[in-house]
Amino acid sequence: MKTQLDKSQLEAAKIFGVNDFNKGIKAAPCLSKNCMSLVEVNQHIKGATVAIINAWTKGWHLANLSA
């Protein structure tokens, strides 16, 4: 069992945020199936949920600012 979140997973969460913005999903990570799947897989890692949600939110807002 992993004890740390991979940087690639945070990057994936950020990309999910961008993609979800482009799909018209509101700025709520709980509405993203991909984000919530990533949270579920990594929920045993301390601090992973917050890190994933922050990365998703960052991606969503960056896409919003670029639009």
PDB file of N, CA and C in Angstrom:
ATOM      1  N   MET A   1       0.835  -1.180   0.000  1.00  0.00           N
ATOM      2  CA  MET A   1       0.000   0.000   0.000  1.00  0.00           C
ATOM      3  C   MET A   1       0.884   1.249   0.000  1.00  0.00           C
ATOM      4  N   LYS A   2       0.552   2.188  -0.894  1.00  0.00           N
ATOM      5  CA  LYS A   2       1.338   3.415  -0.989  1.00  0.00           C
ATOM      6  C   LYS A   2       1.082   4.301   0.232  1.00  0.00           C
ATOM      7  N   THR A   3       2.095   5.067   0.594  1.00  0.00           N
ATOM      8  CA  THR A   3       1.958   5.991   1.716  1.00  0.00           C
ATOM      9  C   THR A   3       2.091   7.441   1.279  1.00  0.00           C
ATOM     10  N   GLN A   4       2.352   7.652  -0.016  1.00  0.00           N
ATOM     11  CA  GLN A   4       2.469   9.004  -0.546  1.00  0.00           C
ATOM     12  C   GLN A   4       1.728   9.107  -1.865  1.00  0.00           C
ATOM     13  N   LEU A   5       1.235  10.292  -2.120  1.00  0.00           N
ATOM     14  CA  LEU A   5       0.540  10.563  -3.372  1.00  0.00           C
ATOM     15  C   LEU A   5       1.577  10.868  -4.449  1.00  0.00           C
ATOM     16  N   ASP A   6       1.427  10.272  -5.613  1.00  0.00           N
ATOM     17  CA  ASP A   6       2.330  10.529  -6.733  1.00  0.00           C
ATOM     18  C   ASP A   6       2.034  11.901  -7.341  1.00  0.00           C
ATOM     19  N   LYS A   7       3.086  12.581  -7.767  1.00  0.00           N
ATOM     20  CA  LYS A   7       2.900  13.870  -8.434  1.00  0.00           C
ATOM     21  C   LYS A   7       2.070  13.713  -9.702  1.00  0.00           C
ATOM     22  N   SER A   8       2.193  12.563 -10.344  1.00  0.00           N
ATOM     23  CA  SER A   8       1.421  12.332 -11.569  1.00  0.00           C
ATOM     24  C   SER A   8      -0.083  12.314 -11.282  1.00  0.00           C
ATOM     25  N   GLN A   9      -0.453  11.872 -10.099  1.00  0.00           N
ATOM     26  CA  GLN A   9      -1.873  11.856  -9.739  1.00  0.00           C
ATOM     27  C   GLN A   9      -2.388  13.274  -9.497  1.00  0.00           C
ATOM     28  N   LEU A  10      -1.551  14.133  -8.941  1.00  0.00           N
ATOM     29  CA  LEU A  10      -1.948  15.524  -8.764  1.00  0.00           C
ATOM     30  C   LEU A  10      -2.068  16.220 -10.116  1.00  0.00           C
ATOM     31  N   GLU A  11      -1.156  15.902 -11.014  1.00  0.00           N
ATOM     32  CA  GLU A  11      -1.232  16.473 -12.359  1.00  0.00           C
ATOM     33  C   GLU A  11      -2.495  15.977 -13.070  1.00  0.00           C
ATOM     34  N   ALA A  12      -2.836  14.714 -12.868  1.00  0.00           N
ATOM     35  CA  ALA A  12      -4.061  14.165 -13.461  1.00  0.00           C
ATOM     36  C   ALA A  12      -5.288  14.886 -12.906  1.00  0.00           C
ATOM     37  N   ALA A  13      -5.302  15.149 -11.611  1.00  0.00           N
ATOM     38  CA  ALA A  13      -6.426  15.856 -10.998  1.00  0.00           C
ATOM     39  C   ALA A  13      -6.565  17.250 -11.595  1.00  0.00           C
ATOM     40  N   LYS A  14      -5.449  17.909 -11.821  1.00  0.00           N
ATOM     41  CA  LYS A  14      -5.465  19.248 -12.423  1.00  0.00           C
ATOM     42  C   LYS A  14      -6.041  19.185 -13.840  1.00  0.00           C
ATOM     43  N   ILE A  15      -5.628  18.177 -14.593  1.00  0.00           N
ATOM     44  CA  ILE A  15      -6.141  18.001 -15.959  1.00  0.00           C
ATOM     45  C   ILE A  15      -7.635  17.684 -15.926  1.00  0.00           C
ATOM     46  N   PHE A  16      -8.058  16.874 -14.964  1.00  0.00           N
ATOM     47  CA  PHE A  16      -9.496  16.602 -14.815  1.00  0.00           C
ATOM     48  C   PHE A  16     -10.260  17.908 -14.595  1.00  0.00           C
ATOM     49  N   GLY A  17      -9.696  18.812 -13.801  1.00  0.00           N
ATOM     50  CA  GLY A  17     -10.332  20.101 -13.553  1.00  0.00           C
ATOM     51  C   GLY A  17     -10.496  20.901 -14.833  1.00  0.00           C
ATOM     52  N   VAL A  18      -9.455  20.936 -15.639  1.00  0.00           N
ATOM     53  CA  VAL A  18      -9.519  21.637 -16.927  1.00  0.00           C
ATOM     54  C   VAL A  18     -10.578  20.999 -17.818  1.00  0.00           C
ATOM     55  N   ASN A  19     -10.527  19.683 -17.927  1.00  0.00           N
ATOM     56  CA  ASN A  19     -11.492  18.977 -18.779  1.00  0.00           C
ATOM     57  C   ASN A  19     -12.923  19.168 -18.294  1.00  0.00           C
ATOM     58  N   ASP A  20     -13.111  19.137 -16.990  1.00  0.00           N
ATOM     59  CA  ASP A  20     -14.462  19.300 -16.451  1.00  0.00           C
ATOM     60  C   ASP A  20     -14.977  20.716 -16.682  1.00  0.00           C
ATOM     61  N   PHE A  21     -14.094  21.706 -16.597  1.00  0.00           N
ATOM     62  CA  PHE A  21     -14.521  23.072 -16.935  1.00  0.00           C
ATOM     63  C   PHE A  21     -14.997  23.108 -18.385  1.00  0.00           C
ATOM     64  N   ASN A  22     -14.209  22.504 -19.267  1.00  0.00           N
ATOM     65  CA  ASN A  22     -14.557  22.507 -20.689  1.00  0.00           C
ATOM     66  C   ASN A  22     -15.852  21.749 -20.976  1.00  0.00           C
ATOM     67  N   LYS A  23     -16.217  20.814 -20.109  1.00  0.00           N
ATOM     68  CA  LYS A  23     -17.477  20.062 -20.254  1.00  0.00           C
ATOM     69  C   LYS A  23     -18.653  20.820 -19.655  1.00  0.00           C
ATOM     70  N   GLY A  24     -18.372  21.948 -18.968  1.00  0.00           N
ATOM     71  CA  GLY A  24     -19.444  22.736 -18.372  1.00  0.00           C
ATOM     72  C   GLY A  24     -19.789  22.345 -16.951  1.00  0.00           C
ATOM     73  N   ILE A  25     -18.947  21.522 -16.326  1.00  0.00           N
ATOM     74  CA  ILE A  25     -19.187  21.131 -14.934  1.00  0.00           C
ATOM     75  C   ILE A  25     -18.858  22.314 -14.025  1.00  0.00           C
ATOM     76  N   LYS A  26     -19.693  22.551 -13.047  1.00  0.00           N
ATOM     77  CA  LYS A  26     -19.494  23.655 -12.105  1.00  0.00           C
ATOM     78  C   LYS A  26     -18.216  23.456 -11.297  1.00  0.00           C
ATOM     79  N   ALA A  27     -17.787  24.514 -10.625  1.00  0.00           N
ATOM     80  CA  ALA A  27     -16.529  24.490  -9.847  1.00  0.00           C
ATOM     81  C   ALA A  27     -16.732  23.750  -8.532  1.00  0.00           C
ATOM     82  N   ALA A  28     -17.089  22.494  -8.622  1.00  0.00           N
ATOM     83  CA  ALA A  28     -17.303  21.649  -7.447  1.00  0.00           C
ATOM     84  C   ALA A  28     -16.706  20.277  -7.740  1.00  0.00           C
ATOM     85  N   PRO A  29     -15.545  19.973  -7.155  1.00  0.00           N
ATOM     86  CA  PRO A  29     -14.888  18.709  -7.463  1.00  0.00           C
ATOM     87  C   PRO A  29     -15.749  17.473  -7.183  1.00  0.00           C
ATOM     88  N   CYS A  30     -16.707  17.598  -6.285  1.00  0.00           N
ATOM     89  CA  CYS A  30     -17.567  16.452  -5.986  1.00  0.00           C
ATOM     90  C   CYS A  30     -18.457  16.072  -7.173  1.00  0.00           C
ATOM     91  N   LEU A  31     -18.577  16.953  -8.149  1.00  0.00           N
ATOM     92  CA  LEU A  31     -19.361  16.659  -9.347  1.00  0.00           C
ATOM     93  C   LEU A  31     -18.541  15.949 -10.421  1.00  0.00           C
ATOM     94  N   SER A  32     -17.244  15.840 -10.192  1.00  0.00           N
ATOM     95  CA  SER A  32     -16.347  15.205 -11.157  1.00  0.00           C
ATOM     96  C   SER A  32     -16.146  13.736 -10.803  1.00  0.00           C
ATOM     97  N   LYS A  33     -16.620  12.866 -11.667  1.00  0.00           N
ATOM     98  CA  LYS A  33     -16.453  11.427 -11.423  1.00  0.00           C
ATOM     99  C   LYS A  33     -14.979  11.046 -11.397  1.00  0.00           C
ATOM    100  N   ASN A  34     -14.189  11.629 -12.284  1.00  0.00           N
ATOM    101  CA  ASN A  34     -12.764  11.312 -12.322  1.00  0.00           C
ATOM    102  C   ASN A  34     -12.050  11.757 -11.049  1.00  0.00           C
ATOM    103  N   CYS A  35     -12.355  12.945 -10.587  1.00  0.00           N
ATOM    104  CA  CYS A  35     -11.734  13.462  -9.368  1.00  0.00           C
ATOM    105  C   CYS A  35     -12.119  12.602  -8.168  1.00  0.00           C
ATOM    106  N   MET A  36     -13.376  12.264  -8.062  1.00  0.00           N
ATOM    107  CA  MET A  36     -13.826  11.465  -6.927  1.00  0.00           C
ATOM    108  C   MET A  36     -13.272  10.047  -6.975  1.00  0.00           C
ATOM    109  N   SER A  37     -13.045   9.520  -8.167  1.00  0.00           N
ATOM    110  CA  SER A  37     -12.412   8.205  -8.284  1.00  0.00           C
ATOM    111  C   SER A  37     -10.974   8.262  -7.784  1.00  0.00           C
ATOM    112  N   LEU A  38     -10.287   9.336  -8.115  1.00  0.00           N
ATOM    113  CA  LEU A  38      -8.914   9.516  -7.657  1.00  0.00           C
ATOM    114  C   LEU A  38      -8.865   9.659  -6.136  1.00  0.00           C
ATOM    115  N   VAL A  39      -9.821  10.379  -5.579  1.00  0.00           N
ATOM    116  CA  VAL A  39      -9.916  10.509  -4.125  1.00  0.00           C
ATOM    117  C   VAL A  39     -10.153   9.149  -3.480  1.00  0.00           C
ATOM    118  N   GLU A  40     -11.072   8.389  -4.044  1.00  0.00           N
ATOM    119  CA  GLU A  40     -11.414   7.085  -3.476  1.00  0.00           C
ATOM    120  C   GLU A  40     -10.210   6.142  -3.455  1.00  0.00           C
ATOM    121  N   VAL A  41      -9.467   6.112  -4.536  1.00  0.00           N
ATOM    122  CA  VAL A  41      -8.314   5.222  -4.642  1.00  0.00           C
ATOM    123  C   VAL A  41      -7.212   5.602  -3.640  1.00  0.00           C
ATOM    124  N   ASN A  42      -7.124   6.890  -3.320  1.00  0.00           N
ATOM    125  CA  ASN A  42      -6.032   7.374  -2.477  1.00  0.00           C
ATOM    126  C   ASN A  42      -6.467   7.821  -1.090  1.00  0.00           C
ATOM    127  N   GLN A  43      -7.669   7.488  -0.676  1.00  0.00           N
ATOM    128  CA  GLN A  43      -8.190   7.982   0.596  1.00  0.00           C
ATOM    129  C   GLN A  43      -7.403   7.493   1.809  1.00  0.00           C
ATOM    130  N   HIS A  44      -6.648   6.421   1.655  1.00  0.00           N
ATOM    131  CA  HIS A  44      -5.859   5.889   2.768  1.00  0.00           C
ATOM    132  C   HIS A  44      -4.581   6.698   3.021  1.00  0.00           C
ATOM    133  N   ILE A  45      -4.230   7.588   2.086  1.00  0.00           N
ATOM    134  CA  ILE A  45      -3.022   8.400   2.222  1.00  0.00           C
ATOM    135  C   ILE A  45      -3.377   9.712   2.912  1.00  0.00           C
ATOM    136  N   LYS A  46      -2.695   9.992   4.007  1.00  0.00           N
ATOM    137  CA  LYS A  46      -2.973  11.207   4.780  1.00  0.00           C
ATOM    138  C   LYS A  46      -2.756  12.449   3.912  1.00  0.00           C
ATOM    139  N   GLY A  47      -3.756  13.300   3.861  1.00  0.00           N
ATOM    140  CA  GLY A  47      -3.686  14.553   3.123  1.00  0.00           C
ATOM    141  C   GLY A  47      -3.961  14.442   1.638  1.00  0.00           C
ATOM    142  N   ALA A  48      -4.179  13.227   1.137  1.00  0.00           N
ATOM    143  CA  ALA A  48      -4.364  13.045  -0.301  1.00  0.00           C
ATOM    144  C   ALA A  48      -5.656  13.681  -0.802  1.00  0.00           C
ATOM    145  N   THR A  49      -6.723  13.547  -0.051  1.00  0.00           N
ATOM    146  CA  THR A  49      -8.007  14.092  -0.499  1.00  0.00           C
ATOM    147  C   THR A  49      -7.921  15.592  -0.714  1.00  0.00           C
ATOM    148  N   VAL A  50      -7.363  16.292   0.240  1.00  0.00           N
ATOM    149  CA  VAL A  50      -7.240  17.749   0.132  1.00  0.00           C
ATOM    150  C   VAL A  50      -6.330  18.117  -1.038  1.00  0.00           C
ATOM    151  N   ALA A  51      -5.230  17.410  -1.202  1.00  0.00           N
ATOM    152  CA  ALA A  51      -4.295  17.703  -2.286  1.00  0.00           C
ATOM    153  C   ALA A  51      -4.942  17.482  -3.650  1.00  0.00           C
ATOM    154  N   ILE A  52      -5.697  16.410  -3.798  1.00  0.00           N
ATOM    155  CA  ILE A  52      -6.359  16.111  -5.063  1.00  0.00           C
ATOM    156  C   ILE A  52      -7.420  17.167  -5.372  1.00  0.00           C
ATOM    157  N   ILE A  53      -8.220  17.498  -4.390  1.00  0.00           N
ATOM    158  CA  ILE A  53      -9.268  18.500  -4.603  1.00  0.00           C
ATOM    159  C   ILE A  53      -8.659  19.861  -4.918  1.00  0.00           C
ATOM    160  N   ASN A  54      -7.574  20.220  -4.249  1.00  0.00           N
ATOM    161  CA  ASN A  54      -6.902  21.484  -4.547  1.00  0.00           C
ATOM    162  C   ASN A  54      -6.350  21.498  -5.969  1.00  0.00           C
ATOM    163  N   ALA A  55      -5.769  20.390  -6.411  1.00  0.00           N
ATOM    164  CA  ALA A  55      -5.224  20.312  -7.769  1.00  0.00           C
ATOM    165  C   ALA A  55      -6.350  20.413  -8.804  1.00  0.00           C
ATOM    166  N   TRP A  56      -7.454  19.724  -8.566  1.00  0.00           N
ATOM    167  CA  TRP A  56      -8.595  19.788  -9.479  1.00  0.00           C
ATOM    168  C   TRP A  56      -9.121  21.223  -9.561  1.00  0.00           C
ATOM    169  N   THR A  57      -9.261  21.856  -8.403  1.00  0.00           N
ATOM    170  CA  THR A  57      -9.770  23.226  -8.343  1.00  0.00           C
ATOM    171  C   THR A  57      -8.835  24.186  -9.070  1.00  0.00           C
ATOM    172  N   LYS A  58      -7.544  24.002  -8.904  1.00  0.00           N
ATOM    173  CA  LYS A  58      -6.570  24.844  -9.595  1.00  0.00           C
ATOM    174  C   LYS A  58      -6.730  24.704 -11.104  1.00  0.00           C
ATOM    175  N   GLY A  59      -6.853  23.478 -11.582  1.00  0.00           N
ATOM    176  CA  GLY A  59      -7.048  23.253 -13.012  1.00  0.00           C
ATOM    177  C   GLY A  59      -8.328  23.879 -13.523  1.00  0.00           C
ATOM    178  N   TRP A  60      -9.407  23.725 -12.774  1.00  0.00           N
ATOM    179  CA  TRP A  60     -10.700  24.275 -13.178  1.00  0.00           C
ATOM    180  C   TRP A  60     -10.620  25.795 -13.286  1.00  0.00           C
ATOM    181  N   HIS A  61     -10.047  26.438 -12.263  1.00  0.00           N
ATOM    182  CA  HIS A  61      -9.984  27.901 -12.264  1.00  0.00           C
ATOM    183  C   HIS A  61      -8.999  28.447 -13.301  1.00  0.00           C
ATOM    184  N   LEU A  62      -7.912  27.744 -13.565  1.00  0.00           N
ATOM    185  CA  LEU A  62      -6.999  28.167 -14.624  1.00  0.00           C
ATOM    186  C   LEU A  62      -7.689  28.113 -15.981  1.00  0.00           C
ATOM    187  N   ALA A  63      -8.475  27.068 -16.203  1.00  0.00           N
ATOM    188  CA  ALA A  63      -9.226  26.965 -17.462  1.00  0.00           C
ATOM    189  C   ALA A  63     -10.269  28.074 -17.547  1.00  0.00           C
ATOM    190  N   ASN A  64     -10.906  28.388 -16.446  1.00  0.00           N
ATOM    191  CA  ASN A  64     -11.891  29.452 -16.421  1.00  0.00           C
ATOM    192  C   ASN A  64     -11.259  30.797 -16.738  1.00  0.00           C
ATOM    193  N   LEU A  65     -10.090  31.058 -16.174  1.00  0.00           N
ATOM    194  CA  LEU A  65      -9.397  32.323 -16.444  1.00  0.00           C
ATOM    195  C   LEU A  65      -8.945  32.426 -17.897  1.00  0.00           C
ATOM    196  N   SER A  66      -8.624  31.294 -18.493  1.00  0.00           N
ATOM    197  CA  SER A  66      -8.163  31.279 -19.884  1.00  0.00           C
ATOM    198  C   SER A  66      -9.299  31.408 -20.884  1.00  0.00           C
ATOM    199  N   ALA A  67     -10.500  31.108 -20.430  1.00  0.00           N
ATOM    200  CA  ALA A  67     -11.652  31.108 -21.346  1.00  0.00           C
ATOM    201  C   ALA A  67     -12.107  32.507 -21.705  1.00  0.00           C
TER     202      ALA A  67
END
